[in-house]
């Protein structure tokens, strides 16, 4: 529903991470968490993914016939 939206799969093609890349993509100098790097690090070290699902941060995907800022209600937050 938003872009970018990252997906990480393990060697068996199981989805192990879904969500944002970083917690502050507009100003990475203020970034505190790199969720995508953490997920990849956990996967490659054989550990469970510490946070397997986060809300993506970015522009909404545009929908044909809808206002440019429209999003389905269920798309607003994956994680509450």
PDB file of N, CA and C in Angstrom:
ATOM      1  N   UNK A   1       0.808  -1.192   0.000  1.00  0.00           N
ATOM      2  CA  UNK A   1       0.000   0.000   0.000  1.00  0.00           C
ATOM      3  C   UNK A   1       0.859   1.267   0.000  1.00  0.00           C
ATOM      4  N   UNK A   2       2.101   1.128   0.452  1.00  0.00           N
ATOM      5  CA  UNK A   2       3.047   2.253   0.411  1.00  0.00           C
ATOM      6  C   UNK A   2       4.322   1.775  -0.280  1.00  0.00           C
ATOM      7  N   UNK A   3       5.058   2.736  -0.772  1.00  0.00           N
ATOM      8  CA  UNK A   3       6.314   2.399  -1.411  1.00  0.00           C
ATOM      9  C   UNK A   3       7.411   3.341  -0.887  1.00  0.00           C
ATOM     10  N   UNK A   4       8.569   2.842  -0.543  1.00  0.00           N
ATOM     11  CA  UNK A   4       8.986   1.449  -0.652  1.00  0.00           C
ATOM     12  C   UNK A   4       8.394   0.582   0.459  1.00  0.00           C
ATOM     13  N   UNK A   5       8.229  -0.673   0.157  1.00  0.00           N
ATOM     14  CA  UNK A   5       7.728  -1.673   1.093  1.00  0.00           C
ATOM     15  C   UNK A   5       8.624  -2.895   0.876  1.00  0.00           C
ATOM     16  N   UNK A   6       9.401  -3.257   1.887  1.00  0.00           N
ATOM     17  CA  UNK A   6      10.426  -4.294   1.735  1.00  0.00           C
ATOM     18  C   UNK A   6       9.932  -5.658   2.199  1.00  0.00           C
ATOM     19  N   UNK A   7      10.408  -6.692   1.522  1.00  0.00           N
ATOM     20  CA  UNK A   7      10.081  -8.075   1.841  1.00  0.00           C
ATOM     21  C   UNK A   7      11.383  -8.862   1.863  1.00  0.00           C
ATOM     22  N   UNK A   8      11.580  -9.673   2.907  1.00  0.00           N
ATOM     23  CA  UNK A   8      12.765 -10.526   3.003  1.00  0.00           C
ATOM     24  C   UNK A   8      12.281 -11.965   3.146  1.00  0.00           C
ATOM     25  N   UNK A   9      12.843 -12.828   2.307  1.00  0.00           N
ATOM     26  CA  UNK A   9      12.494 -14.245   2.313  1.00  0.00           C
ATOM     27  C   UNK A   9      13.713 -15.062   2.713  1.00  0.00           C
ATOM     28  N   UNK A  10      13.481 -16.162   3.403  1.00  0.00           N
ATOM     29  CA  UNK A  10      14.591 -17.046   3.760  1.00  0.00           C
ATOM     30  C   UNK A  10      14.904 -17.981   2.599  1.00  0.00           C
ATOM     31  N   UNK A  11      15.852 -18.898   2.809  1.00  0.00           N
ATOM     32  CA  UNK A  11      16.288 -19.781   1.728  1.00  0.00           C
ATOM     33  C   UNK A  11      15.191 -20.722   1.251  1.00  0.00           C
ATOM     34  N   UNK A  12      14.165 -20.925   2.068  1.00  0.00           N
ATOM     35  CA  UNK A  12      13.035 -21.762   1.679  1.00  0.00           C
ATOM     36  C   UNK A  12      11.880 -20.945   1.105  1.00  0.00           C
ATOM     37  N   UNK A  13      12.150 -19.676   0.868  1.00  0.00           N
ATOM     38  CA  UNK A  13      11.178 -18.732   0.313  1.00  0.00           C
ATOM     39  C   UNK A  13      10.010 -18.441   1.256  1.00  0.00           C
ATOM     40  N   UNK A  14      10.274 -18.527   2.554  1.00  0.00           N
ATOM     41  CA  UNK A  14       9.301 -18.115   3.563  1.00  0.00           C
ATOM     42  C   UNK A  14       9.514 -16.635   3.842  1.00  0.00           C
ATOM     43  N   UNK A  15       8.432 -15.887   3.914  1.00  0.00           N
ATOM     44  CA  UNK A  15       8.525 -14.473   4.229  1.00  0.00           C
ATOM     45  C   UNK A  15       8.918 -14.321   5.690  1.00  0.00           C
ATOM     46  N   UNK A  16      10.047 -13.662   5.947  1.00  0.00           N
ATOM     47  CA  UNK A  16      10.523 -13.513   7.327  1.00  0.00           C
ATOM     48  C   UNK A  16      10.515 -12.057   7.797  1.00  0.00           C
ATOM     49  N   UNK A  17      10.440 -11.113   6.856  1.00  0.00           N
ATOM     50  CA  UNK A  17      10.347  -9.696   7.227  1.00  0.00           C
ATOM     51  C   UNK A  17       9.522  -8.975   6.180  1.00  0.00           C
ATOM     52  N   UNK A  18       8.693  -8.037   6.672  1.00  0.00           N
ATOM     53  CA  UNK A  18       7.865  -7.228   5.794  1.00  0.00           C
ATOM     54  C   UNK A  18       7.726  -5.853   6.431  1.00  0.00           C
ATOM     55  N   UNK A  19       8.039  -4.788   5.671  1.00  0.00           N
ATOM     56  CA  UNK A  19       7.841  -3.454   6.219  1.00  0.00           C
ATOM     57  C   UNK A  19       8.806  -2.414   5.699  1.00  0.00           C
ATOM     58  N   UNK A  20       9.123  -1.485   6.584  1.00  0.00           N
ATOM     59  CA  UNK A  20       9.955  -0.333   6.235  1.00  0.00           C
ATOM     60  C   UNK A  20      11.433  -0.706   6.165  1.00  0.00           C
ATOM     61  N   UNK A  21      12.188   0.169   5.527  1.00  0.00           N
ATOM     62  CA  UNK A  21      13.635   0.012   5.527  1.00  0.00           C
ATOM     63  C   UNK A  21      14.226   0.579   6.806  1.00  0.00           C
ATOM     64  N   UNK A  22      13.935   1.850   7.050  1.00  0.00           N
ATOM     65  CA  UNK A  22      14.478   2.551   8.224  1.00  0.00           C
ATOM     66  C   UNK A  22      13.360   3.348   8.898  1.00  0.00           C
ATOM     67  N   UNK A  23      13.599   3.783  10.121  1.00  0.00           N
ATOM     68  CA  UNK A  23      12.571   4.506  10.866  1.00  0.00           C
ATOM     69  C   UNK A  23      12.460   5.978  10.483  1.00  0.00           C
ATOM     70  N   UNK A  24      13.422   6.519   9.757  1.00  0.00           N
ATOM     71  CA  UNK A  24      13.364   7.922   9.368  1.00  0.00           C
ATOM     72  C   UNK A  24      13.951   8.087   7.955  1.00  0.00           C
ATOM     73  N   UNK A  25      13.215   7.668   6.932  1.00  0.00           N
ATOM     74  CA  UNK A  25      13.776   7.710   5.583  1.00  0.00           C
ATOM     75  C   UNK A  25      13.956   9.118   5.023  1.00  0.00           C
ATOM     76  N   UNK A  26      13.218  10.082   5.533  1.00  0.00           N
ATOM     77  CA  UNK A  26      13.331  11.453   5.016  1.00  0.00           C
ATOM     78  C   UNK A  26      14.601  12.144   5.487  1.00  0.00           C
ATOM     79  N   UNK A  27      15.104  11.722   6.636  1.00  0.00           N
ATOM     80  CA  UNK A  27      16.334  12.315   7.170  1.00  0.00           C
ATOM     81  C   UNK A  27      17.127  11.214   7.868  1.00  0.00           C
ATOM     82  N   UNK A  28      17.919  10.502   7.098  1.00  0.00           N
ATOM     83  CA  UNK A  28      18.644   9.355   7.651  1.00  0.00           C
ATOM     84  C   UNK A  28      19.689   9.756   8.686  1.00  0.00           C
ATOM     85  N   UNK A  29      20.035  11.050   8.748  1.00  0.00           N
ATOM     86  CA  UNK A  29      20.943  11.473   9.817  1.00  0.00           C
ATOM     87  C   UNK A  29      20.252  11.382  11.179  1.00  0.00           C
ATOM     88  N   UNK A  30      18.921  11.348  11.174  1.00  0.00           N
ATOM     89  CA  UNK A  30      18.136  11.218  12.403  1.00  0.00           C
ATOM     90  C   UNK A  30      17.656   9.779  12.631  1.00  0.00           C
ATOM     91  N   UNK A  31      18.065   8.872  11.767  1.00  0.00           N
ATOM     92  CA  UNK A  31      17.638   7.479  11.831  1.00  0.00           C
ATOM     93  C   UNK A  31      18.142   6.824  13.123  1.00  0.00           C
ATOM     94  N   UNK A  32      17.255   6.083  13.770  1.00  0.00           N
ATOM     95  CA  UNK A  32      17.628   5.335  14.972  1.00  0.00           C
ATOM     96  C   UNK A  32      17.591   3.836  14.738  1.00  0.00           C
ATOM     97  N   UNK A  33      16.741   3.380  13.803  1.00  0.00           N
ATOM     98  CA  UNK A  33      16.578   1.945  13.557  1.00  0.00           C
ATOM     99  C   UNK A  33      16.617   1.673  12.061  1.00  0.00           C
ATOM    100  N   UNK A  34      17.426   0.698  11.670  1.00  0.00           N
ATOM    101  CA  UNK A  34      17.451   0.222  10.293  1.00  0.00           C
ATOM    102  C   UNK A  34      16.846  -1.178  10.309  1.00  0.00           C
ATOM    103  N   UNK A  35      15.528  -1.240  10.165  1.00  0.00           N
ATOM    104  CA  UNK A  35      14.816  -2.514  10.284  1.00  0.00           C
ATOM    105  C   UNK A  35      15.212  -3.511   9.205  1.00  0.00           C
ATOM    106  N   UNK A  36      15.426  -3.042   7.994  1.00  0.00           N
ATOM    107  CA  UNK A  36      15.803  -3.943   6.914  1.00  0.00           C
ATOM    108  C   UNK A  36      17.179  -4.549   7.163  1.00  0.00           C
ATOM    109  N   UNK A  37      18.162  -3.731   7.535  1.00  0.00           N
ATOM    110  CA  UNK A  37      19.489  -4.266   7.865  1.00  0.00           C
ATOM    111  C   UNK A  37      19.410  -5.249   9.030  1.00  0.00           C
ATOM    112  N   UNK A  38      18.617  -4.911  10.048  1.00  0.00           N
ATOM    113  CA  UNK A  38      18.471  -5.812  11.201  1.00  0.00           C
ATOM    114  C   UNK A  38      17.897  -7.157  10.779  1.00  0.00           C
ATOM    115  N   UNK A  39      16.885  -7.127   9.921  1.00  0.00           N
ATOM    116  CA  UNK A  39      16.271  -8.375   9.460  1.00  0.00           C
ATOM    117  C   UNK A  39      17.269  -9.215   8.669  1.00  0.00           C
ATOM    118  N   UNK A  40      18.022  -8.564   7.789  1.00  0.00           N
ATOM    119  CA  UNK A  40      19.019  -9.296   7.000  1.00  0.00           C
ATOM    120  C   UNK A  40      20.128  -9.849   7.880  1.00  0.00           C
ATOM    121  N   UNK A  41      20.568  -9.047   8.851  1.00  0.00           N
ATOM    122  CA  UNK A  41      21.600  -9.503   9.781  1.00  0.00           C
ATOM    123  C   UNK A  41      21.111 -10.719  10.575  1.00  0.00           C
ATOM    124  N   UNK A  42      19.890 -10.645  11.085  1.00  0.00           N
ATOM    125  CA  UNK A  42      19.328 -11.767  11.844  1.00  0.00           C
ATOM    126  C   UNK A  42      19.218 -13.008  10.972  1.00  0.00           C
ATOM    127  N   UNK A  43      18.712 -12.848   9.761  1.00  0.00           N
ATOM    128  CA  UNK A  43      18.547 -13.980   8.853  1.00  0.00           C
ATOM    129  C   UNK A  43      19.877 -14.640   8.548  1.00  0.00           C
ATOM    130  N   UNK A  44      20.875 -13.833   8.203  1.00  0.00           N
ATOM    131  CA  UNK A  44      22.176 -14.393   7.830  1.00  0.00           C
ATOM    132  C   UNK A  44      22.923 -15.004   9.002  1.00  0.00           C
ATOM    133  N   UNK A  45      22.599 -14.571  10.226  1.00  0.00           N
ATOM    134  CA  UNK A  45      23.263 -15.150  11.396  1.00  0.00           C
ATOM    135  C   UNK A  45      22.479 -16.324  11.978  1.00  0.00           C
ATOM    136  N   UNK A  46      21.330 -16.649  11.366  1.00  0.00           N
ATOM    137  CA  UNK A  46      20.550 -17.794  11.826  1.00  0.00           C
ATOM    138  C   UNK A  46      19.669 -17.502  13.033  1.00  0.00           C
ATOM    139  N   UNK A  47      19.526 -16.238  13.389  1.00  0.00           N
ATOM    140  CA  UNK A  47      18.697 -15.857  14.540  1.00  0.00           C
ATOM    141  C   UNK A  47      17.266 -15.593  14.082  1.00  0.00           C
ATOM    142  N   UNK A  48      16.310 -15.672  14.996  1.00  0.00           N
ATOM    143  CA  UNK A  48      14.948 -15.244  14.648  1.00  0.00           C
ATOM    144  C   UNK A  48      14.959 -13.752  14.334  1.00  0.00           C
ATOM    145  N   UNK A  49      14.126 -13.333  13.415  1.00  0.00           N
ATOM    146  CA  UNK A  49      14.038 -11.918  13.064  1.00  0.00           C
ATOM    147  C   UNK A  49      13.457 -11.178  14.270  1.00  0.00           C
ATOM    148  N   UNK A  50      14.201 -10.218  14.787  1.00  0.00           N
ATOM    149  CA  UNK A  50      13.790  -9.540  16.036  1.00  0.00           C
ATOM    150  C   UNK A  50      12.492  -8.762  15.886  1.00  0.00           C
ATOM    151  N   UNK A  51      12.254  -8.145  14.742  1.00  0.00           N
ATOM    152  CA  UNK A  51      10.995  -7.428  14.476  1.00  0.00           C
ATOM    153  C   UNK A  51      10.570  -7.811  13.051  1.00  0.00           C
ATOM    154  N   UNK A  52       9.718  -8.824  12.904  1.00  0.00           N
ATOM    155  CA  UNK A  52       9.397  -9.337  11.574  1.00  0.00           C
ATOM    156  C   UNK A  52       8.388  -8.514  10.775  1.00  0.00           C
ATOM    157  N   UNK A  53       7.688  -7.570  11.430  1.00  0.00           N
ATOM    158  CA  UNK A  53       6.679  -6.782  10.728  1.00  0.00           C
ATOM    159  C   UNK A  53       6.698  -5.349  11.222  1.00  0.00           C
ATOM    160  N   UNK A  54       6.848  -4.406  10.294  1.00  0.00           N
ATOM    161  CA  UNK A  54       6.789  -2.979  10.616  1.00  0.00           C
ATOM    162  C   UNK A  54       5.894  -2.302   9.588  1.00  0.00           C
ATOM    163  N   UNK A  55       5.433  -1.103   9.909  1.00  0.00           N
ATOM    164  CA  UNK A  55       4.654  -0.324   8.950  1.00  0.00           C
ATOM    165  C   UNK A  55       5.599   0.312   7.941  1.00  0.00           C
ATOM    166  N   UNK A  56       5.324   0.128   6.642  1.00  0.00           N
ATOM    167  CA  UNK A  56       6.150   0.800   5.649  1.00  0.00           C
ATOM    168  C   UNK A  56       5.949   2.306   5.738  1.00  0.00           C
ATOM    169  N   UNK A  57       7.003   3.054   5.433  1.00  0.00           N
ATOM    170  CA  UNK A  57       6.958   4.514   5.441  1.00  0.00           C
ATOM    171  C   UNK A  57       7.244   4.972   4.022  1.00  0.00           C
ATOM    172  N   UNK A  58       6.362   5.755   3.477  1.00  0.00           N
ATOM    173  CA  UNK A  58       6.593   6.266   2.137  1.00  0.00           C
ATOM    174  C   UNK A  58       5.318   6.760   1.505  1.00  0.00           C
ATOM    175  N   UNK A  59       5.375   6.966   0.214  1.00  0.00           N
ATOM    176  CA  UNK A  59       4.222   7.464  -0.522  1.00  0.00           C
ATOM    177  C   UNK A  59       3.210   6.349  -0.730  1.00  0.00           C
ATOM    178  N   UNK A  60       1.938   6.734  -0.716  1.00  0.00           N
ATOM    179  CA  UNK A  60       0.927   5.720  -0.968  1.00  0.00           C
ATOM    180  C   UNK A  60       0.929   5.334  -2.444  1.00  0.00           C
ATOM    181  N   UNK A  61       0.539   4.106  -2.704  1.00  0.00           N
ATOM    182  CA  UNK A  61       0.404   3.624  -4.067  1.00  0.00           C
ATOM    183  C   UNK A  61      -0.853   4.273  -4.651  1.00  0.00           C
ATOM    184  N   UNK A  62      -0.765   4.757  -5.868  1.00  0.00           N
ATOM    185  CA  UNK A  62      -1.896   5.428  -6.506  1.00  0.00           C
ATOM    186  C   UNK A  62      -2.883   4.391  -7.048  1.00  0.00           C
ATOM    187  N   UNK A  63      -4.173   4.705  -6.925  1.00  0.00           N
ATOM    188  CA  UNK A  63      -5.248   3.796  -7.336  1.00  0.00           C
ATOM    189  C   UNK A  63      -6.039   4.429  -8.473  1.00  0.00           C
ATOM    190  N   UNK A  64      -6.233   3.700  -9.543  1.00  0.00           N
ATOM    191  CA  UNK A  64      -6.973   4.183 -10.692  1.00  0.00           C
ATOM    192  C   UNK A  64      -8.376   4.628 -10.277  1.00  0.00           C
ATOM    193  N   UNK A  65      -8.723   5.849 -10.640  1.00  0.00           N
ATOM    194  CA  UNK A  65     -10.055   6.352 -10.347  1.00  0.00           C
ATOM    195  C   UNK A  65     -10.219   6.937  -8.955  1.00  0.00           C
ATOM    196  N   UNK A  66      -9.151   6.980  -8.166  1.00  0.00           N
ATOM    197  CA  UNK A  66      -9.222   7.519  -6.801  1.00  0.00           C
ATOM    198  C   UNK A  66      -8.336   8.754  -6.687  1.00  0.00           C
ATOM    199  N   UNK A  67      -8.649   9.595  -5.704  1.00  0.00           N
ATOM    200  CA  UNK A  67      -7.824  10.753  -5.401  1.00  0.00           C
ATOM    201  C   UNK A  67      -6.388  10.301  -5.124  1.00  0.00           C
ATOM    202  N   UNK A  68      -5.409  11.129  -5.440  1.00  0.00           N
ATOM    203  CA  UNK A  68      -3.992  10.763  -5.299  1.00  0.00           C
ATOM    204  C   UNK A  68      -3.603  10.379  -3.878  1.00  0.00           C
ATOM    205  N   UNK A  69      -4.340  10.835  -2.874  1.00  0.00           N
ATOM    206  CA  UNK A  69      -3.986  10.525  -1.485  1.00  0.00           C
ATOM    207  C   UNK A  69      -4.881   9.465  -0.869  1.00  0.00           C
ATOM    208  N   UNK A  70      -5.776   8.874  -1.650  1.00  0.00           N
ATOM    209  CA  UNK A  70      -6.693   7.865  -1.137  1.00  0.00           C
ATOM    210  C   UNK A  70      -5.956   6.565  -0.836  1.00  0.00           C
ATOM    211  N   UNK A  71      -6.319   5.932   0.267  1.00  0.00           N
ATOM    212  CA  UNK A  71      -5.843   4.586   0.602  1.00  0.00           C
ATOM    213  C   UNK A  71      -6.975   3.841   1.268  1.00  0.00           C
ATOM    214  N   UNK A  72      -7.058   2.528   1.075  1.00  0.00           N
ATOM    215  CA  UNK A  72      -8.073   1.763   1.793  1.00  0.00           C
ATOM    216  C   UNK A  72      -7.834   1.874   3.298  1.00  0.00           C
ATOM    217  N   UNK A  73      -8.892   1.894   4.064  1.00  0.00           N
ATOM    218  CA  UNK A  73      -8.766   2.050   5.528  1.00  0.00           C
ATOM    219  C   UNK A  73      -7.868   0.984   6.133  1.00  0.00           C
ATOM    220  N   UNK A  74      -7.927  -0.235   5.650  1.00  0.00           N
ATOM    221  CA  UNK A  74      -7.130  -1.320   6.212  1.00  0.00           C
ATOM    222  C   UNK A  74      -5.635  -1.188   5.900  1.00  0.00           C
ATOM    223  N   UNK A  75      -5.285  -0.241   5.046  1.00  0.00           N
ATOM    224  CA  UNK A  75      -3.883  -0.084   4.646  1.00  0.00           C
ATOM    225  C   UNK A  75      -3.144   0.914   5.517  1.00  0.00           C
ATOM    226  N   UNK A  76      -3.843   1.610   6.381  1.00  0.00           N
ATOM    227  CA  UNK A  76      -3.197   2.680   7.135  1.00  0.00           C
ATOM    228  C   UNK A  76      -2.116   2.177   8.073  1.00  0.00           C
ATOM    229  N   UNK A  77      -2.362   1.119   8.791  1.00  0.00           N
ATOM    230  CA  UNK A  77      -1.366   0.574   9.706  1.00  0.00           C
ATOM    231  C   UNK A  77      -1.448  -0.942   9.722  1.00  0.00           C
ATOM    232  N   UNK A  78      -0.332  -1.583   9.516  1.00  0.00           N
ATOM    233  CA  UNK A  78      -0.252  -3.036   9.654  1.00  0.00           C
ATOM    234  C   UNK A  78      -0.016  -3.401  11.109  1.00  0.00           C
ATOM    235  N   UNK A  79       0.766  -2.573  11.769  1.00  0.00           N
ATOM    236  CA  UNK A  79       1.171  -2.815  13.152  1.00  0.00           C
ATOM    237  C   UNK A  79       0.648  -1.664  13.990  1.00  0.00           C
ATOM    238  N   UNK A  80      -0.032  -1.968  15.047  1.00  0.00           N
ATOM    239  CA  UNK A  80      -0.539  -0.898  15.934  1.00  0.00           C
ATOM    240  C   UNK A  80       0.114  -0.966  17.261  1.00  0.00           C
TER     241      UNK A  80
END
